[in-house]
Amino acid sequence: MPSTATLPETETDQKTQRQPPYNVVLLNDDDHTYEYVIEMLKELFGYPVEKGYQLARIVDTQGRAIVCTTSLERAELKRDQIHAYGPDPRIPRCRGSMTAIIEPAE
């Protein structure tokens, strides 16, 4: 009967590589109302009205607010959704969506 050789056991180091997180940052402007921001955040991110109001206030008072921290791919999607949301119908001079940027989370 032929002998079978067994290989020595080796531990394989299988660490899952995590993607670095990215922030989606909403930038302030004067062409969108709080109501618009709250509705947009509710529709695109599922945030309740209270959280939408808090973020709208931060954008208004600080000029920017982090609305989401996620993977790069999802951050790009969310930024693009914000850019495609459309103008605020409550302000006649409003010509388009709000602006958002992506930056590495620290």
C-alpha atoms as a PDB file:
ATOM      1  CA  MET A   1       0.000   0.000   0.000  1.00  0.00           C
ATOM      2  CA  PRO A   2       1.545   3.323  -1.028  1.00  0.00           C
ATOM      3  CA  SER A   3       2.098   5.863   1.706  1.00  0.00           C
ATOM      4  CA  THR A   4       0.552   9.271   1.334  1.00  0.00           C
ATOM      5  CA  ALA A   5       2.592  12.267   2.222  1.00  0.00           C
ATOM      6  CA  THR A   6       0.925  14.859   4.333  1.00  0.00           C
ATOM      7  CA  LEU A   7       1.905  18.444   4.099  1.00  0.00           C
ATOM      8  CA  PRO A   8       2.720  20.269   7.294  1.00  0.00           C
ATOM      9  CA  GLU A   9      -0.055  22.490   8.557  1.00  0.00           C
ATOM     10  CA  THR A  10       0.482  26.110   7.794  1.00  0.00           C
ATOM     11  CA  GLU A  11      -1.519  28.955   9.136  1.00  0.00           C
ATOM     12  CA  THR A  12      -2.782  31.205   6.478  1.00  0.00           C
ATOM     13  CA  ASP A  13      -3.061  34.792   7.465  1.00  0.00           C
ATOM     14  CA  GLN A  14      -6.297  35.841   5.857  1.00  0.00           C
ATOM     15  CA  LYS A  15      -6.925  39.350   7.004  1.00  0.00           C
ATOM     16  CA  THR A  16      -9.743  41.078   5.278  1.00  0.00           C
ATOM     17  CA  GLN A  17      -8.572  44.291   3.748  1.00  0.00           C
ATOM     18  CA  ARG A  18     -10.938  47.076   4.687  1.00  0.00           C
ATOM     19  CA  GLN A  19     -11.495  49.978   2.387  1.00  0.00           C
ATOM     20  CA  PRO A  20     -10.742  53.331   3.965  1.00  0.00           C
ATOM     21  CA  PRO A  21     -13.871  55.328   4.802  1.00  0.00           C
ATOM     22  CA  TYR A  22     -14.884  58.501   2.986  1.00  0.00           C
ATOM     23  CA  ASN A  23     -17.120  61.377   4.051  1.00  0.00           C
ATOM     24  CA  VAL A  24     -19.852  62.801   1.870  1.00  0.00           C
ATOM     25  CA  VAL A  25     -19.851  66.510   2.713  1.00  0.00           C
ATOM     26  CA  LEU A  26     -22.815  68.742   1.856  1.00  0.00           C
ATOM     27  CA  LEU A  27     -21.821  72.351   1.120  1.00  0.00           C
ATOM     28  CA  ASN A  28     -23.892  75.413   1.962  1.00  0.00           C
ATOM     29  CA  ASP A  29     -25.440  77.825  -0.497  1.00  0.00           C
ATOM     30  CA  ASP A  30     -28.209  80.418  -0.365  1.00  0.00           C
ATOM     31  CA  ASP A  31     -30.395  78.807  -3.029  1.00  0.00           C
ATOM     32  CA  HIS A  32     -31.921  75.971  -0.991  1.00  0.00           C
ATOM     33  CA  THR A  33     -34.315  76.010   1.948  1.00  0.00           C
ATOM     34  CA  TYR A  34     -34.136  73.959   5.118  1.00  0.00           C
ATOM     35  CA  GLU A  35     -37.206  72.099   3.858  1.00  0.00           C
ATOM     36  CA  TYR A  36     -35.376  71.131   0.671  1.00  0.00           C
ATOM     37  CA  VAL A  37     -32.344  69.864   2.591  1.00  0.00           C
ATOM     38  CA  ILE A  38     -34.522  67.907   5.032  1.00  0.00           C
ATOM     39  CA  GLU A  39     -36.536  66.300   2.213  1.00  0.00           C
ATOM     40  CA  MET A  40     -33.406  65.454   0.220  1.00  0.00           C
ATOM     41  CA  LEU A  41     -31.674  63.835   3.195  1.00  0.00           C
ATOM     42  CA  LYS A  42     -34.808  61.876   4.033  1.00  0.00           C
ATOM     43  CA  GLU A  43     -35.190  60.590   0.474  1.00  0.00           C
ATOM     44  CA  LEU A  44     -31.524  59.863  -0.287  1.00  0.00           C
ATOM     45  CA  PHE A  45     -30.286  58.712   3.135  1.00  0.00           C
ATOM     46  CA  GLY A  46     -33.445  57.675   4.969  1.00  0.00           C
ATOM     47  CA  TYR A  47     -32.841  60.219   7.744  1.00  0.00           C
ATOM     48  CA  PRO A  48     -35.768  61.220   9.939  1.00  0.00           C
ATOM     49  CA  VAL A  49     -36.909  64.842   9.833  1.00  0.00           C
ATOM     50  CA  GLU A  50     -35.111  65.661  13.097  1.00  0.00           C
ATOM     51  CA  LYS A  51     -31.727  64.481  11.807  1.00  0.00           C
ATOM     52  CA  GLY A  52     -32.324  66.257   8.500  1.00  0.00           C
ATOM     53  CA  TYR A  53     -33.017  69.485  10.390  1.00  0.00           C
ATOM     54  CA  GLN A  54     -29.858  69.073  12.489  1.00  0.00           C
ATOM     55  CA  LEU A  55     -27.729  68.566   9.377  1.00  0.00           C
ATOM     56  CA  ALA A  56     -29.433  71.462   7.560  1.00  0.00           C
ATOM     57  CA  ARG A  57     -28.631  73.717  10.518  1.00  0.00           C
ATOM     58  CA  ILE A  58     -24.981  72.586  10.536  1.00  0.00           C
ATOM     59  CA  VAL A  59     -24.686  73.276   6.799  1.00  0.00           C
ATOM     60  CA  ASP A  60     -26.272  76.703   7.282  1.00  0.00           C
ATOM     61  CA  THR A  61     -24.159  77.758  10.270  1.00  0.00           C
ATOM     62  CA  GLN A  62     -20.830  76.052   9.493  1.00  0.00           C
ATOM     63  CA  GLY A  63     -20.893  76.011   5.695  1.00  0.00           C
ATOM     64  CA  ARG A  64     -20.629  72.238   5.434  1.00  0.00           C
ATOM     65  CA  ALA A  65     -21.855  69.056   7.073  1.00  0.00           C
ATOM     66  CA  ILE A  66     -20.809  65.422   6.845  1.00  0.00           C
ATOM     67  CA  VAL A  67     -23.992  63.621   5.821  1.00  0.00           C
ATOM     68  CA  CYS A  68     -22.543  60.123   5.420  1.00  0.00           C
ATOM     69  CA  THR A  69     -19.331  58.154   6.011  1.00  0.00           C
ATOM     70  CA  THR A  70     -18.970  55.059   3.875  1.00  0.00           C
ATOM     71  CA  SER A  71     -16.867  53.298   1.232  1.00  0.00           C
ATOM     72  CA  LEU A  72     -15.542  55.301  -1.711  1.00  0.00           C
ATOM     73  CA  GLU A  73     -17.905  53.651  -4.178  1.00  0.00           C
ATOM     74  CA  ARG A  74     -20.992  54.368  -2.062  1.00  0.00           C
ATOM     75  CA  ALA A  75     -19.759  57.900  -1.276  1.00  0.00           C
ATOM     76  CA  GLU A  76     -19.481  58.603  -5.005  1.00  0.00           C
ATOM     77  CA  LEU A  77     -23.004  57.289  -5.523  1.00  0.00           C
ATOM     78  CA  LYS A  78     -24.420  59.457  -2.726  1.00  0.00           C
ATOM     79  CA  ARG A  79     -22.578  62.559  -3.987  1.00  0.00           C
ATOM     80  CA  ASP A  80     -23.970  61.951  -7.474  1.00  0.00           C
ATOM     81  CA  GLN A  81     -27.490  61.489  -6.074  1.00  0.00           C
ATOM     82  CA  ILE A  82     -27.221  64.834  -4.259  1.00  0.00           C
ATOM     83  CA  HIS A  83     -26.030  66.509  -7.475  1.00  0.00           C
ATOM     84  CA  ALA A  84     -28.947  64.980  -9.409  1.00  0.00           C
ATOM     85  CA  TYR A  85     -31.660  65.835  -6.854  1.00  0.00           C
ATOM     86  CA  GLY A  86     -32.726  68.959  -8.689  1.00  0.00           C
ATOM     87  CA  PRO A  87     -33.549  72.550  -7.820  1.00  0.00           C
ATOM     88  CA  ASP A  88     -35.508  73.785  -4.822  1.00  0.00           C
ATOM     89  CA  PRO A  89     -39.002  74.620  -6.116  1.00  0.00           C
ATOM     90  CA  ARG A  90     -39.536  77.046  -3.199  1.00  0.00           C
ATOM     91  CA  ILE A  91     -36.875  79.466  -4.492  1.00  0.00           C
ATOM     92  CA  PRO A  92     -37.479  80.775  -8.033  1.00  0.00           C
ATOM     93  CA  ARG A  93     -33.800  81.706  -8.629  1.00  0.00           C
ATOM     94  CA  CYS A  94     -32.646  78.178  -7.721  1.00  0.00           C
ATOM     95  CA  ARG A  95     -31.203  76.558 -10.835  1.00  0.00           C
ATOM     96  CA  GLY A  96     -29.941  73.231  -9.575  1.00  0.00           C
ATOM     97  CA  SER A  97     -29.079  70.822  -6.815  1.00  0.00           C
ATOM     98  CA  MET A  98     -26.858  71.399  -3.835  1.00  0.00           C
ATOM     99  CA  THR A  99     -23.165  70.624  -4.005  1.00  0.00           C
ATOM    100  CA  ALA A 100     -21.449  67.772  -2.202  1.00  0.00           C
ATOM    101  CA  ILE A 101     -17.848  66.656  -2.109  1.00  0.00           C
ATOM    102  CA  ILE A 102     -16.062  63.504  -1.019  1.00  0.00           C
ATOM    103  CA  GLU A 103     -13.080  63.517   1.306  1.00  0.00           C
ATOM    104  CA  PRO A 104     -11.197  60.800   3.177  1.00  0.00           C
ATOM    105  CA  ALA A 105     -12.529  60.306   6.689  1.00  0.00           C
ATOM    106  CA  GLU A 106      -9.913  61.014   9.316  1.00  0.00           C
END
